[in-house]
Amino acid sequence: MKKTSIICILLLMCSITFAQDKITQANESYAAGDYRSAAQLYEEVLDTEGQAAELYYNLGNAYYKQNEIGKSILNYERALRLRPFYKDAEYNLELAQARIIDKVEDTHVFFLRNWVMNLMHLLLPNVWAWISITFFILFILSFFLFAFGKKLGFRKAGFRMGIIFIGLSLLTLVFAGITHKEFKEHAVAIVMTGSVSVKSSPDESGTDLFVLHEGTKVTIREVLGEWYEIGFGNGNVGWLKAVNVERI
């Protein structure tokens, strides 16, 4: 083994050990009720070692204990972004959301579209991509059954299954594309300021349209300098400064 390879392995082992030590310290601080130190340590591990659903979940808990609802919701959402079926994060997110002042319901979305969007967000982009590939392989097998089947019944079954499989392959490919775009753009954000006035235009002289409070989830529709055009569930749209929100 080359000397450089050995050095790289040793550095990696040291990095892993250092991260584990920090996580242990963070867990001990949390157990001792020192939530501020715990949050700081979890943040340091995330900054240096990369993302992990468990770390975001623990960080959300640390902020929740400090009554920093915006930061707790942000980190629970980030945990669920990496692991959609994270039940503990889902439960704690609901507890945090119950403390939000703005109770906004999505009244402008057709129920079928809402159902499709919820289905699409059940899985990560790479999972949808693999499902799409699987359906495409099944389509090819069905095509061979249709093309080379010796019995008419087999050929009919191959044709019908082929239509179904190619449709499902295209649908899941679209799901993969949309979720990948959302994952990359971070278009959803959380209001981090106690309260902020949403303006009619991207400047301080714009008319105040309504007020949003900490923890509210919004969708970033457009970026103009230091301003975001945002929208949320009930169809309201307006502008606020980027400093007031943080992308999930």
C-alpha atoms as a PDB file:
ATOM      1  CA  MET A   1       0.000   0.000   0.000  1.00  0.00           C
ATOM      2  CA  LYS A   2       1.314   3.439  -0.885  1.00  0.00           C
ATOM      3  CA  LYS A   3       2.359   5.789   1.884  1.00  0.00           C
ATOM      4  CA  THR A   4      -0.129   8.463   0.744  1.00  0.00           C
ATOM      5  CA  SER A   5      -2.995   5.941   0.938  1.00  0.00           C
ATOM      6  CA  ILE A   6      -2.042   5.021   4.502  1.00  0.00           C
ATOM      7  CA  ILE A   7      -1.976   8.691   5.488  1.00  0.00           C
ATOM      8  CA  CYS A   8      -5.418   9.260   3.941  1.00  0.00           C
ATOM      9  CA  ILE A   9      -6.857   6.292   5.831  1.00  0.00           C
ATOM     10  CA  LEU A  10      -5.356   7.505   9.101  1.00  0.00           C
ATOM     11  CA  LEU A  11      -6.741  11.009   8.556  1.00  0.00           C
ATOM     12  CA  LEU A  12     -10.173   9.557   7.795  1.00  0.00           C
ATOM     13  CA  MET A  13     -10.077   7.445  10.960  1.00  0.00           C
ATOM     14  CA  CYS A  14      -9.052  10.476  13.006  1.00  0.00           C
ATOM     15  CA  SER A  15     -11.885  12.510  11.480  1.00  0.00           C
ATOM     16  CA  ILE A  16     -14.448   9.810  12.297  1.00  0.00           C
ATOM     17  CA  THR A  17     -13.145   9.507  15.863  1.00  0.00           C
ATOM     18  CA  PHE A  18     -13.228  13.293  16.293  1.00  0.00           C
ATOM     19  CA  ALA A  19     -16.820  13.445  15.020  1.00  0.00           C
ATOM     20  CA  GLN A  20     -17.894  10.603  17.321  1.00  0.00           C
ATOM     21  CA  ASP A  21     -16.293  12.369  20.286  1.00  0.00           C
ATOM     22  CA  LYS A  22     -18.184  15.577  19.442  1.00  0.00           C
ATOM     23  CA  ILE A  23     -21.468  13.699  19.092  1.00  0.00           C
ATOM     24  CA  THR A  24     -20.862  12.003  22.449  1.00  0.00           C
ATOM     25  CA  GLN A  25     -20.141  15.383  24.046  1.00  0.00           C
ATOM     26  CA  ALA A  26     -23.288  16.829  22.458  1.00  0.00           C
ATOM     27  CA  ASN A  27     -25.415  13.947  23.733  1.00  0.00           C
ATOM     28  CA  GLU A  28     -23.965  14.329  27.219  1.00  0.00           C
ATOM     29  CA  SER A  29     -24.619  18.089  27.185  1.00  0.00           C
ATOM     30  CA  TYR A  30     -28.206  17.457  26.086  1.00  0.00           C
ATOM     31  CA  ALA A  31     -28.732  14.873  28.829  1.00  0.00           C
ATOM     32  CA  ALA A  32     -27.333  17.351  31.367  1.00  0.00           C
ATOM     33  CA  GLY A  33     -29.777  20.047  30.226  1.00  0.00           C
ATOM     34  CA  ASP A  34     -27.094  22.188  28.575  1.00  0.00           C
ATOM     35  CA  TYR A  35     -29.071  22.501  25.334  1.00  0.00           C
ATOM     36  CA  ARG A  36     -27.137  25.493  24.014  1.00  0.00           C
ATOM     37  CA  SER A  37     -23.805  23.644  24.140  1.00  0.00           C
ATOM     38  CA  ALA A  38     -25.435  20.541  22.652  1.00  0.00           C
ATOM     39  CA  ALA A  39     -26.802  22.563  19.726  1.00  0.00           C
ATOM     40  CA  GLN A  40     -23.426  24.160  19.111  1.00  0.00           C
ATOM     41  CA  LEU A  41     -21.676  20.778  19.062  1.00  0.00           C
ATOM     42  CA  TYR A  42     -24.258  19.240  16.699  1.00  0.00           C
ATOM     43  CA  GLU A  43     -23.855  22.245  14.398  1.00  0.00           C
ATOM     44  CA  GLU A  44     -20.069  21.798  14.391  1.00  0.00           C
ATOM     45  CA  VAL A  45     -20.369  18.130  13.418  1.00  0.00           C
ATOM     46  CA  LEU A  46     -22.805  18.969  10.614  1.00  0.00           C
ATOM     47  CA  ASP A  47     -20.479  21.685   9.324  1.00  0.00           C
ATOM     48  CA  THR A  48     -17.391  19.487   9.310  1.00  0.00           C
ATOM     49  CA  GLU A  49     -18.689  15.964   8.639  1.00  0.00           C
ATOM     50  CA  GLY A  50     -21.702  16.518   6.389  1.00  0.00           C
ATOM     51  CA  GLN A  51     -25.434  15.938   6.690  1.00  0.00           C
ATOM     52  CA  ALA A  52     -27.169  13.177   8.637  1.00  0.00           C
ATOM     53  CA  ALA A  53     -30.845  12.845   9.516  1.00  0.00           C
ATOM     54  CA  GLU A  54     -30.082  11.819  13.110  1.00  0.00           C
ATOM     55  CA  LEU A  55     -27.904  14.880  13.691  1.00  0.00           C
ATOM     56  CA  TYR A  56     -30.576  17.233  12.336  1.00  0.00           C
ATOM     57  CA  TYR A  57     -33.138  15.502  14.547  1.00  0.00           C
ATOM     58  CA  ASN A  58     -30.979  15.896  17.658  1.00  0.00           C
ATOM     59  CA  LEU A  59     -30.245  19.501  16.741  1.00  0.00           C
ATOM     60  CA  GLY A  60     -33.966  20.160  16.353  1.00  0.00           C
ATOM     61  CA  ASN A  61     -34.560  18.721  19.820  1.00  0.00           C
ATOM     62  CA  ALA A  62     -31.849  20.938  21.309  1.00  0.00           C
ATOM     63  CA  TYR A  63     -33.400  24.052  19.777  1.00  0.00           C
ATOM     64  CA  TYR A  64     -36.916  22.998  20.792  1.00  0.00           C
ATOM     65  CA  LYS A  65     -35.761  22.756  24.407  1.00  0.00           C
ATOM     66  CA  GLN A  66     -34.520  26.356  24.090  1.00  0.00           C
ATOM     67  CA  ASN A  67     -37.915  27.472  22.702  1.00  0.00           C
ATOM     68  CA  GLU A  68     -36.300  28.361  19.371  1.00  0.00           C
ATOM     69  CA  ILE A  69     -39.242  27.042  17.362  1.00  0.00           C
ATOM     70  CA  GLY A  70     -38.067  28.261  13.956  1.00  0.00           C
ATOM     71  CA  LYS A  71     -34.718  26.495  14.253  1.00  0.00           C
ATOM     72  CA  SER A  72     -36.290  23.336  15.642  1.00  0.00           C
ATOM     73  CA  ILE A  73     -38.783  23.125  12.753  1.00  0.00           C
ATOM     74  CA  LEU A  74     -36.015  23.851  10.248  1.00  0.00           C
ATOM     75  CA  ASN A  75     -33.914  20.949  11.513  1.00  0.00           C
ATOM     76  CA  TYR A  76     -36.804  18.489  11.817  1.00  0.00           C
ATOM     77  CA  GLU A  77     -37.678  19.317   8.207  1.00  0.00           C
ATOM     78  CA  ARG A  78     -34.053  18.777   7.165  1.00  0.00           C
ATOM     79  CA  ALA A  79     -34.058  15.398   8.916  1.00  0.00           C
ATOM     80  CA  LEU A  80     -37.215  14.395   7.047  1.00  0.00           C
ATOM     81  CA  ARG A  81     -35.735  15.667   3.797  1.00  0.00           C
ATOM     82  CA  LEU A  82     -32.960  13.113   4.159  1.00  0.00           C
ATOM     83  CA  ARG A  83     -35.181  10.383   5.630  1.00  0.00           C
ATOM     84  CA  PRO A  84     -38.861  10.809   4.686  1.00  0.00           C
ATOM     85  CA  PHE A  85     -40.126   8.040   7.024  1.00  0.00           C
ATOM     86  CA  TYR A  86     -38.345   9.275  10.154  1.00  0.00           C
ATOM     87  CA  LYS A  87     -41.210   8.802  12.623  1.00  0.00           C
ATOM     88  CA  ASP A  88     -39.549  10.510  15.600  1.00  0.00           C
ATOM     89  CA  ALA A  89     -38.819  13.581  13.491  1.00  0.00           C
ATOM     90  CA  GLU A  90     -42.401  13.604  12.171  1.00  0.00           C
ATOM     91  CA  TYR A  91     -43.820  13.453  15.694  1.00  0.00           C
ATOM     92  CA  ASN A  92     -41.576  16.192  17.082  1.00  0.00           C
ATOM     93  CA  LEU A  93     -42.201  18.349  14.013  1.00  0.00           C
ATOM     94  CA  GLU A  94     -45.932  18.175  14.739  1.00  0.00           C
ATOM     95  CA  LEU A  95     -45.289  19.247  18.339  1.00  0.00           C
ATOM     96  CA  ALA A  96     -43.222  22.214  17.157  1.00  0.00           C
ATOM     97  CA  GLN A  97     -45.728  23.193  14.477  1.00  0.00           C
ATOM     98  CA  ALA A  98     -48.490  23.259  17.091  1.00  0.00           C
ATOM     99  CA  ARG A  99     -46.718  26.287  18.572  1.00  0.00           C
ATOM    100  CA  ILE A 100     -46.695  28.281  15.329  1.00  0.00           C
ATOM    101  CA  ILE A 101     -48.845  31.405  15.328  1.00  0.00           C
ATOM    102  CA  ASP A 102     -49.648  31.281  11.589  1.00  0.00           C
ATOM    103  CA  LYS A 103     -52.052  28.396  11.004  1.00  0.00           C
ATOM    104  CA  VAL A 104     -52.070  28.332   7.211  1.00  0.00           C
ATOM    105  CA  GLU A 105     -53.983  25.648   5.370  1.00  0.00           C
ATOM    106  CA  ASP A 106     -53.544  24.843   1.693  1.00  0.00           C
ATOM    107  CA  THR A 107     -57.019  25.841   0.500  1.00  0.00           C
ATOM    108  CA  HIS A 108     -56.109  26.639  -3.125  1.00  0.00           C
ATOM    109  CA  VAL A 109     -54.770  23.218  -4.102  1.00  0.00           C
ATOM    110  CA  PHE A 110     -57.021  20.622  -5.724  1.00  0.00           C
ATOM    111  CA  PHE A 111     -57.150  17.554  -3.461  1.00  0.00           C
ATOM    112  CA  LEU A 112     -55.871  15.193  -6.186  1.00  0.00           C
ATOM    113  CA  ARG A 113     -52.824  17.379  -6.851  1.00  0.00           C
ATOM    114  CA  ASN A 114     -52.193  17.567  -3.117  1.00  0.00           C
ATOM    115  CA  TRP A 115     -52.377  13.754  -2.902  1.00  0.00           C
ATOM    116  CA  VAL A 116     -49.925  13.358  -5.800  1.00  0.00           C
ATOM    117  CA  MET A 117     -47.498  15.857  -4.247  1.00  0.00           C
ATOM    118  CA  ASN A 118     -47.618  14.008  -0.916  1.00  0.00           C
ATOM    119  CA  LEU A 119     -47.000  10.704  -2.717  1.00  0.00           C
ATOM    120  CA  MET A 120     -44.077  12.195  -4.638  1.00  0.00           C
ATOM    121  CA  HIS A 121     -42.408  13.421  -1.448  1.00  0.00           C
ATOM    122  CA  LEU A 122     -42.589  10.033   0.246  1.00  0.00           C
ATOM    123  CA  LEU A 123     -39.299   8.972  -1.363  1.00  0.00           C
ATOM    124  CA  LEU A 124     -35.951  10.534  -2.198  1.00  0.00           C
ATOM    125  CA  PRO A 125     -35.038  11.372  -5.836  1.00  0.00           C
ATOM    126  CA  ASN A 126     -32.579   8.482  -6.217  1.00  0.00           C
ATOM    127  CA  VAL A 127     -35.190   6.002  -4.956  1.00  0.00           C
ATOM    128  CA  TRP A 128     -37.712   7.222  -7.538  1.00  0.00           C
ATOM    129  CA  ALA A 129     -34.996   6.911 -10.202  1.00  0.00           C
ATOM    130  CA  TRP A 130     -34.317   3.274  -9.296  1.00  0.00           C
ATOM    131  CA  ILE A 131     -38.035   2.518  -9.280  1.00  0.00           C
ATOM    132  CA  SER A 132     -38.298   4.068 -12.748  1.00  0.00           C
ATOM    133  CA  ILE A 133     -35.415   1.889 -14.001  1.00  0.00           C
ATOM    134  CA  THR A 134     -37.068  -1.201 -12.496  1.00  0.00           C
ATOM    135  CA  PHE A 135     -40.350  -0.471 -14.263  1.00  0.00           C
ATOM    136  CA  PHE A 136     -38.472   0.100 -17.540  1.00  0.00           C
ATOM    137  CA  ILE A 137     -36.769  -3.302 -17.217  1.00  0.00           C
ATOM    138  CA  LEU A 138     -40.181  -4.877 -16.610  1.00  0.00           C
ATOM    139  CA  PHE A 139     -41.433  -3.059 -19.718  1.00  0.00           C
ATOM    140  CA  ILE A 140     -38.605  -4.602 -21.788  1.00  0.00           C
ATOM    141  CA  LEU A 141     -39.431  -8.070 -20.446  1.00  0.00           C
ATOM    142  CA  SER A 142     -43.098  -7.507 -21.278  1.00  0.00           C
ATOM    143  CA  PHE A 143     -42.122  -6.398 -24.783  1.00  0.00           C
ATOM    144  CA  PHE A 144     -40.182  -9.636 -25.317  1.00  0.00           C
ATOM    145  CA  LEU A 145     -43.172 -11.610 -24.046  1.00  0.00           C
ATOM    146  CA  PHE A 146     -45.396  -9.748 -26.507  1.00  0.00           C
ATOM    147  CA  ALA A 147     -42.962 -10.082 -29.428  1.00  0.00           C
ATOM    148  CA  PHE A 148     -41.881 -13.677 -28.956  1.00  0.00           C
ATOM    149  CA  GLY A 149     -44.683 -15.290 -26.981  1.00  0.00           C
ATOM    150  CA  LYS A 150     -45.909 -18.495 -28.630  1.00  0.00           C
ATOM    151  CA  LYS A 151     -49.432 -18.256 -27.276  1.00  0.00           C
ATOM    152  CA  LEU A 152     -51.869 -15.457 -28.013  1.00  0.00           C
ATOM    153  CA  GLY A 153     -52.749 -15.130 -24.324  1.00  0.00           C
ATOM    154  CA  PHE A 154     -49.100 -14.522 -23.399  1.00  0.00           C
ATOM    155  CA  ARG A 155     -48.742 -11.917 -26.129  1.00  0.00           C
ATOM    156  CA  LYS A 156     -51.869 -10.058 -24.982  1.00  0.00           C
ATOM    157  CA  ALA A 157     -50.668 -10.124 -21.378  1.00  0.00           C
ATOM    158  CA  GLY A 158     -47.234  -8.869 -22.465  1.00  0.00           C
ATOM    159  CA  PHE A 159     -48.788  -5.994 -24.390  1.00  0.00           C
ATOM    160  CA  ARG A 160     -51.021  -4.912 -21.511  1.00  0.00           C
ATOM    161  CA  MET A 161     -48.299  -5.188 -18.887  1.00  0.00           C
ATOM    162  CA  GLY A 162     -45.914  -3.322 -21.192  1.00  0.00           C
ATOM    163  CA  ILE A 163     -48.311  -0.369 -21.410  1.00  0.00           C
ATOM    164  CA  ILE A 164     -48.673  -0.301 -17.631  1.00  0.00           C
ATOM    165  CA  PHE A 165     -44.945  -0.623 -16.930  1.00  0.00           C
ATOM    166  CA  ILE A 166     -43.843   2.046 -19.416  1.00  0.00           C
ATOM    167  CA  GLY A 167     -46.475   4.415 -17.970  1.00  0.00           C
ATOM    168  CA  LEU A 168     -45.265   3.791 -14.426  1.00  0.00           C
ATOM    169  CA  SER A 169     -41.644   4.169 -15.538  1.00  0.00           C
ATOM    170  CA  LEU A 170     -42.355   7.584 -17.058  1.00  0.00           C
ATOM    171  CA  LEU A 171     -44.406   8.697 -14.047  1.00  0.00           C
ATOM    172  CA  THR A 172     -41.739   7.745 -11.507  1.00  0.00           C
ATOM    173  CA  LEU A 173     -39.087   9.339 -13.726  1.00  0.00           C
ATOM    174  CA  VAL A 174     -41.051  12.601 -13.546  1.00  0.00           C
ATOM    175  CA  PHE A 175     -41.253  12.204  -9.761  1.00  0.00           C
ATOM    176  CA  ALA A 176     -37.475  11.695  -9.655  1.00  0.00           C
ATOM    177  CA  GLY A 177     -36.895  14.804 -11.758  1.00  0.00           C
ATOM    178  CA  ILE A 178     -39.203  17.066  -9.741  1.00  0.00           C
ATOM    179  CA  THR A 179     -37.926  15.927  -6.347  1.00  0.00           C
ATOM    180  CA  HIS A 180     -34.314  16.211  -7.532  1.00  0.00           C
ATOM    181  CA  LYS A 181     -34.959  19.789  -8.632  1.00  0.00           C
ATOM    182  CA  GLU A 182     -36.572  20.635  -5.287  1.00  0.00           C
ATOM    183  CA  PHE A 183     -33.732  18.912  -3.435  1.00  0.00           C
ATOM    184  CA  LYS A 184     -31.150  20.912  -5.365  1.00  0.00           C
ATOM    185  CA  GLU A 185     -32.857  24.315  -5.301  1.00  0.00           C
ATOM    186  CA  HIS A 186     -34.018  24.286  -1.647  1.00  0.00           C
ATOM    187  CA  ALA A 187     -37.127  26.209  -2.688  1.00  0.00           C
ATOM    188  CA  VAL A 188     -38.889  25.660   0.652  1.00  0.00           C
ATOM    189  CA  ALA A 189     -37.857  27.775   3.643  1.00  0.00           C
ATOM    190  CA  ILE A 190     -38.771  28.483   7.262  1.00  0.00           C
ATOM    191  CA  VAL A 191     -39.373  31.938   8.717  1.00  0.00           C
ATOM    192  CA  MET A 192     -36.689  32.460  11.364  1.00  0.00           C
ATOM    193  CA  THR A 193     -37.679  35.931  12.623  1.00  0.00           C
ATOM    194  CA  GLY A 194     -40.180  36.388  15.442  1.00  0.00           C
ATOM    195  CA  SER A 195     -42.435  38.340  13.072  1.00  0.00           C
ATOM    196  CA  VAL A 196     -41.853  39.894   9.670  1.00  0.00           C
ATOM    197  CA  SER A 197     -44.015  42.045   7.392  1.00  0.00           C
ATOM    198  CA  VAL A 198     -44.405  40.717   3.873  1.00  0.00           C
ATOM    199  CA  LYS A 199     -44.244  43.499   1.294  1.00  0.00           C
ATOM    200  CA  SER A 200     -46.031  44.093  -1.992  1.00  0.00           C
ATOM    201  CA  SER A 201     -42.690  44.772  -3.737  1.00  0.00           C
ATOM    202  CA  PRO A 202     -38.995  44.007  -3.093  1.00  0.00           C
ATOM    203  CA  ASP A 203     -38.161  47.212  -1.238  1.00  0.00           C
ATOM    204  CA  GLU A 204     -38.751  48.750   2.177  1.00  0.00           C
ATOM    205  CA  SER A 205     -41.250  51.267   0.765  1.00  0.00           C
ATOM    206  CA  GLY A 206     -43.558  48.502  -0.422  1.00  0.00           C
ATOM    207  CA  THR A 207     -46.985  48.146   1.157  1.00  0.00           C
ATOM    208  CA  ASP A 208     -47.244  45.773   4.103  1.00  0.00           C
ATOM    209  CA  LEU A 209     -49.509  42.944   2.946  1.00  0.00           C
ATOM    210  CA  PHE A 210     -49.503  40.642   5.960  1.00  0.00           C
ATOM    211  CA  VAL A 211     -47.297  39.441   8.803  1.00  0.00           C
ATOM    212  CA  LEU A 212     -45.637  36.035   9.145  1.00  0.00           C
ATOM    213  CA  HIS A 213     -44.222  34.588  12.337  1.00  0.00           C
ATOM    214  CA  GLU A 214     -41.377  32.303  13.304  1.00  0.00           C
ATOM    215  CA  GLY A 215     -41.685  28.699  12.146  1.00  0.00           C
ATOM    216  CA  THR A 216     -44.004  29.306   9.177  1.00  0.00           C
ATOM    217  CA  LYS A 217     -43.088  27.324   6.077  1.00  0.00           C
ATOM    218  CA  VAL A 218     -43.001  29.257   2.788  1.00  0.00           C
ATOM    219  CA  THR A 219     -42.061  28.532  -0.819  1.00  0.00           C
ATOM    220  CA  ILE A 220     -39.457  30.729  -2.495  1.00  0.00           C
ATOM    221  CA  ARG A 221     -40.826  31.668  -5.916  1.00  0.00           C
ATOM    222  CA  GLU A 222     -38.259  34.218  -7.094  1.00  0.00           C
ATOM    223  CA  VAL A 223     -35.009  35.785  -5.906  1.00  0.00           C
ATOM    224  CA  LEU A 224     -34.186  39.461  -6.501  1.00  0.00           C
ATOM    225  CA  GLY A 225     -31.022  40.604  -4.762  1.00  0.00           C
ATOM    226  CA  GLU A 226     -31.555  40.341  -1.015  1.00  0.00           C
ATOM    227  CA  TRP A 227     -35.303  39.818  -1.439  1.00  0.00           C
ATOM    228  CA  TYR A 228     -37.372  36.652  -1.864  1.00  0.00           C
ATOM    229  CA  GLU A 229     -40.804  36.474  -3.405  1.00  0.00           C
ATOM    230  CA  ILE A 230     -42.579  33.900  -1.257  1.00  0.00           C
ATOM    231  CA  GLY A 231     -45.864  32.066  -1.330  1.00  0.00           C
ATOM    232  CA  PHE A 232     -47.575  29.706   1.083  1.00  0.00           C
ATOM    233  CA  GLY A 233     -50.582  27.467   1.532  1.00  0.00           C
ATOM    234  CA  ASN A 234     -53.515  29.869   1.357  1.00  0.00           C
ATOM    235  CA  GLY A 235     -52.337  31.439  -1.910  1.00  0.00           C
ATOM    236  CA  ASN A 236     -50.851  34.636  -0.462  1.00  0.00           C
ATOM    237  CA  VAL A 237     -47.758  35.961  -2.224  1.00  0.00           C
ATOM    238  CA  GLY A 238     -45.370  38.754  -1.267  1.00  0.00           C
ATOM    239  CA  TRP A 239     -41.786  39.840  -0.756  1.00  0.00           C
ATOM    240  CA  LEU A 240     -39.534  39.673   2.282  1.00  0.00           C
ATOM    241  CA  LYS A 241     -35.805  39.980   2.914  1.00  0.00           C
ATOM    242  CA  ALA A 242     -33.799  36.771   2.579  1.00  0.00           C
ATOM    243  CA  VAL A 243     -32.308  37.279   6.054  1.00  0.00           C
ATOM    244  CA  ASN A 244     -35.722  36.527   7.589  1.00  0.00           C
ATOM    245  CA  VAL A 245     -35.919  32.957   6.285  1.00  0.00           C
ATOM    246  CA  GLU A 246     -33.651  29.945   5.969  1.00  0.00           C
ATOM    247  CA  ARG A 247     -33.917  27.320   3.257  1.00  0.00           C
ATOM    248  CA  ILE A 248     -34.599  23.750   4.347  1.00  0.00           C
END
